[in-house]
N, C-alpha and C. Protein backbone atom coordinates (compact mmCIF):
# COMPACT_ATOMS: atom_id res chain seq x y z
N MET A 1 2.77 -10.06 -3.20
CA MET A 1 2.77 -9.87 -1.62
C MET A 1 1.99 -8.87 -1.01
N ILE A 2 1.75 -8.06 -1.55
CA ILE A 2 0.82 -6.65 -1.18
C ILE A 2 -0.50 -7.32 -1.76
N LYS A 3 -1.27 -8.23 -1.13
CA LYS A 3 -2.55 -8.08 -1.60
C LYS A 3 -3.90 -7.34 -1.44
N ASN A 4 -3.92 -6.54 -0.30
CA ASN A 4 -4.79 -5.39 -0.06
C ASN A 4 -4.26 -4.29 -0.49
N LEU A 5 -3.36 -3.89 -0.92
CA LEU A 5 -2.80 -2.25 -0.96
C LEU A 5 -3.98 -1.41 -1.80
N ARG A 6 -4.60 -1.85 -2.84
CA ARG A 6 -5.58 -1.32 -3.86
C ARG A 6 -6.64 -1.15 -3.11
N GLN A 7 -7.14 -2.18 -2.46
CA GLN A 7 -8.56 -2.07 -1.89
C GLN A 7 -8.67 -1.20 -0.47
N ILE A 8 -7.72 -1.22 0.32
CA ILE A 8 -7.21 -0.37 1.17
C ILE A 8 -7.26 1.07 0.52
N ARG A 9 -6.49 1.46 0.07
CA ARG A 9 -6.16 2.58 -0.65
C ARG A 9 -7.48 3.13 -0.95
N LYS A 10 -8.45 2.46 -2.06
CA LYS A 10 -9.79 2.78 -2.36
C LYS A 10 -10.45 2.84 -1.25
N ALA A 11 -10.66 2.24 -0.18
CA ALA A 11 -11.72 2.25 1.14
C ALA A 11 -10.97 3.76 1.94
N ARG A 12 -9.92 4.29 1.69
CA ARG A 12 -9.57 5.65 2.39
C ARG A 12 -9.56 6.75 1.31
N ARG A 13 -10.22 6.47 0.50
CA ARG A 13 -10.57 7.29 -0.64
C ARG A 13 -9.12 7.95 -0.95
N LEU A 14 -8.25 7.32 -1.45
CA LEU A 14 -6.89 8.00 -1.80
C LEU A 14 -6.62 7.29 -2.91
N THR A 15 -6.01 8.63 -3.93
CA THR A 15 -5.72 8.21 -5.18
C THR A 15 -4.42 7.45 -5.37
N GLN A 16 -3.96 6.91 -6.25
CA GLN A 16 -2.26 6.48 -6.11
C GLN A 16 -1.38 7.54 -6.12
N GLN A 17 -1.38 8.75 -6.33
CA GLN A 17 -0.60 10.21 -6.05
C GLN A 17 -1.00 10.55 -5.09
N ALA A 18 -2.10 10.58 -4.27
CA ALA A 18 -1.99 10.99 -2.85
C ALA A 18 -1.63 10.08 -1.86
N LEU A 19 -1.57 8.90 -2.21
CA LEU A 19 -0.41 7.77 -1.26
C LEU A 19 0.74 7.85 -1.30
N SER A 20 1.40 8.05 -2.72
CA SER A 20 2.56 8.20 -2.85
C SER A 20 3.42 9.58 -2.02
N GLN A 21 2.53 10.44 -2.05
CA GLN A 21 2.73 11.87 -1.14
C GLN A 21 2.82 11.29 0.49
N LEU A 22 1.72 11.02 0.87
CA LEU A 22 1.86 10.58 1.95
C LEU A 22 2.99 9.65 2.57
N ALA A 23 2.90 8.34 2.16
CA ALA A 23 3.99 7.40 1.88
C ALA A 23 5.54 7.93 1.49
N ASN A 24 5.78 9.00 0.83
CA ASN A 24 6.81 9.17 0.09
C ASN A 24 7.31 7.80 -0.73
N VAL A 25 6.51 7.23 -1.59
CA VAL A 25 6.87 6.41 -2.45
C VAL A 25 6.32 6.76 -3.50
N ASN A 26 7.27 6.18 -4.74
CA ASN A 26 6.97 6.64 -6.29
C ASN A 26 5.62 5.83 -6.32
N ARG A 27 4.91 7.13 -7.35
CA ARG A 27 3.11 6.54 -7.84
C ARG A 27 3.48 5.28 -8.89
N ILE A 28 4.67 5.43 -9.64
CA ILE A 28 4.41 4.26 -10.54
C ILE A 28 5.06 2.96 -9.70
N ASN A 29 5.50 3.09 -8.91
CA ASN A 29 5.86 1.71 -7.79
C ASN A 29 4.52 1.38 -7.31
N ILE A 30 3.84 2.33 -6.80
CA ILE A 30 2.54 1.92 -6.08
C ILE A 30 1.42 1.14 -7.27
N SER A 31 1.41 1.47 -8.61
CA SER A 31 0.58 0.80 -9.36
C SER A 31 1.63 -0.35 -9.68
N GLN A 32 2.58 -0.56 -9.73
CA GLN A 32 3.05 -1.64 -10.18
C GLN A 32 3.27 -2.80 -8.81
N TYR A 33 2.92 -2.56 -7.72
CA TYR A 33 2.42 -3.11 -6.12
C TYR A 33 1.29 -3.88 -6.42
N GLU A 34 0.27 -2.50 -6.76
CA GLU A 34 -1.01 -3.02 -6.84
C GLU A 34 -1.37 -3.83 -8.13
N ASN A 35 -0.48 -3.85 -8.97
CA ASN A 35 -0.82 -4.86 -10.47
C ASN A 35 0.01 -6.09 -10.22
N GLY A 36 1.08 -6.12 -9.14
CA GLY A 36 1.60 -7.44 -8.79
C GLY A 36 2.85 -7.56 -10.00
N VAL A 37 3.10 -6.37 -10.15
CA VAL A 37 4.06 -6.44 -10.98
C VAL A 37 5.70 -6.82 -10.41
N LYS A 38 5.50 -6.09 -8.92
CA LYS A 38 6.79 -6.20 -8.36
C LYS A 38 6.11 -5.80 -6.66
N ASN A 39 7.20 -6.23 -5.74
CA ASN A 39 7.22 -6.50 -4.68
C ASN A 39 7.66 -5.19 -3.77
N PRO A 40 7.24 -4.53 -2.65
CA PRO A 40 8.17 -3.80 -2.24
C PRO A 40 9.07 -4.08 -0.90
N ASN A 41 9.88 -3.66 -0.72
CA ASN A 41 10.66 -4.15 0.50
C ASN A 41 10.25 -3.91 1.67
N LEU A 42 10.64 -4.21 2.74
CA LEU A 42 10.01 -4.48 3.91
C LEU A 42 9.93 -2.55 4.40
N ALA A 43 10.93 -1.92 4.08
CA ALA A 43 10.80 -0.61 4.44
C ALA A 43 9.73 0.38 3.99
N THR A 44 9.61 -0.18 2.63
CA THR A 44 8.39 0.57 1.53
C THR A 44 7.35 -0.06 2.01
N ALA A 45 6.94 -1.24 2.64
CA ALA A 45 6.01 -1.88 2.57
C ALA A 45 5.40 -1.13 4.20
N GLU A 46 6.49 -0.81 5.05
CA GLU A 46 6.13 -0.12 6.29
C GLU A 46 5.88 1.05 5.64
N LYS A 47 6.29 2.03 5.08
CA LYS A 47 5.93 3.49 4.81
C LYS A 47 4.38 3.22 4.44
N LEU A 48 4.17 2.49 3.68
CA LEU A 48 2.68 2.48 2.81
C LEU A 48 1.82 2.14 3.77
N ALA A 49 1.85 1.32 4.56
CA ALA A 49 1.10 0.55 5.78
C ALA A 49 0.76 2.42 6.63
N THR A 50 2.02 2.32 7.24
CA THR A 50 1.97 3.62 8.21
C THR A 50 1.08 4.98 7.43
N ALA A 51 0.95 4.90 6.12
CA ALA A 51 0.17 6.04 5.41
C ALA A 51 -1.23 5.79 5.32
N LEU A 52 -1.27 4.38 5.40
CA LEU A 52 -2.94 4.08 5.19
C LEU A 52 -3.19 3.93 6.55
N GLY A 53 -2.61 3.81 7.73
CA GLY A 53 -3.13 3.41 9.11
C GLY A 53 -3.26 1.84 9.30
N VAL A 54 -2.59 1.05 8.46
CA VAL A 54 -2.84 -0.25 8.76
C VAL A 54 -1.58 -0.94 9.09
N THR A 55 -1.58 -2.16 9.48
CA THR A 55 -0.46 -2.79 9.85
C THR A 55 0.20 -3.28 8.41
N VAL A 56 1.55 -3.72 8.32
CA VAL A 56 2.17 -4.49 7.46
C VAL A 56 1.19 -5.86 7.32
N ASP A 57 0.80 -6.26 8.31
CA ASP A 57 0.15 -7.94 8.17
C ASP A 57 -1.32 -7.07 7.60
N GLU A 58 -1.76 -6.83 7.51
CA GLU A 58 -3.38 -6.27 7.02
C GLU A 58 -2.78 -6.20 5.45
N LEU A 59 -1.67 -5.44 5.25
CA LEU A 59 -1.60 -4.89 4.01
C LEU A 59 -1.28 -5.83 3.09
N ILE A 60 -0.43 -7.12 3.42
CA ILE A 60 -0.16 -8.10 2.55
C ILE A 60 -1.38 -9.43 2.97
N GLY A 61 -1.93 -9.10 3.78
CA GLY A 61 -3.35 -9.89 3.54
C GLY A 61 -3.21 -10.89 4.62
N LYS A 62 -2.42 -10.90 5.87
CA LYS A 62 -2.55 -11.63 7.10
C LYS A 62 -3.51 -11.62 8.06
N GLU A 63 -4.01 -10.62 8.09
CA GLU A 63 -5.16 -10.11 9.14
C GLU A 63 -5.95 -9.35 7.81
N GLU A 64 -7.34 -9.49 8.54
CA GLU A 64 -8.31 -8.25 7.86
C GLU A 64 -8.06 -6.95 8.07
N ALA A 65 -8.11 -6.23 7.34
CA ALA A 65 -8.04 -4.57 7.25
C ALA A 65 -9.18 -3.96 7.99
N SER A 66 -9.31 -3.47 8.77
CA SER A 66 -10.43 -2.55 9.18
C SER A 66 -10.96 -1.37 8.64
């Protein structure tokens, strides 16, 4: 589901830990999302998108991230 998480996070120069703190999402979960082990629910995807300054559509790869 989350195709662009790692790419956007790295473009923002954030570590998984920093994103974890910004989004209030467990760092281990972020790692699992980036590696395709599991998918976040909609509320978590919204938290991650907000912390990264993108839309959920950009995060899941429906639109190009800026």
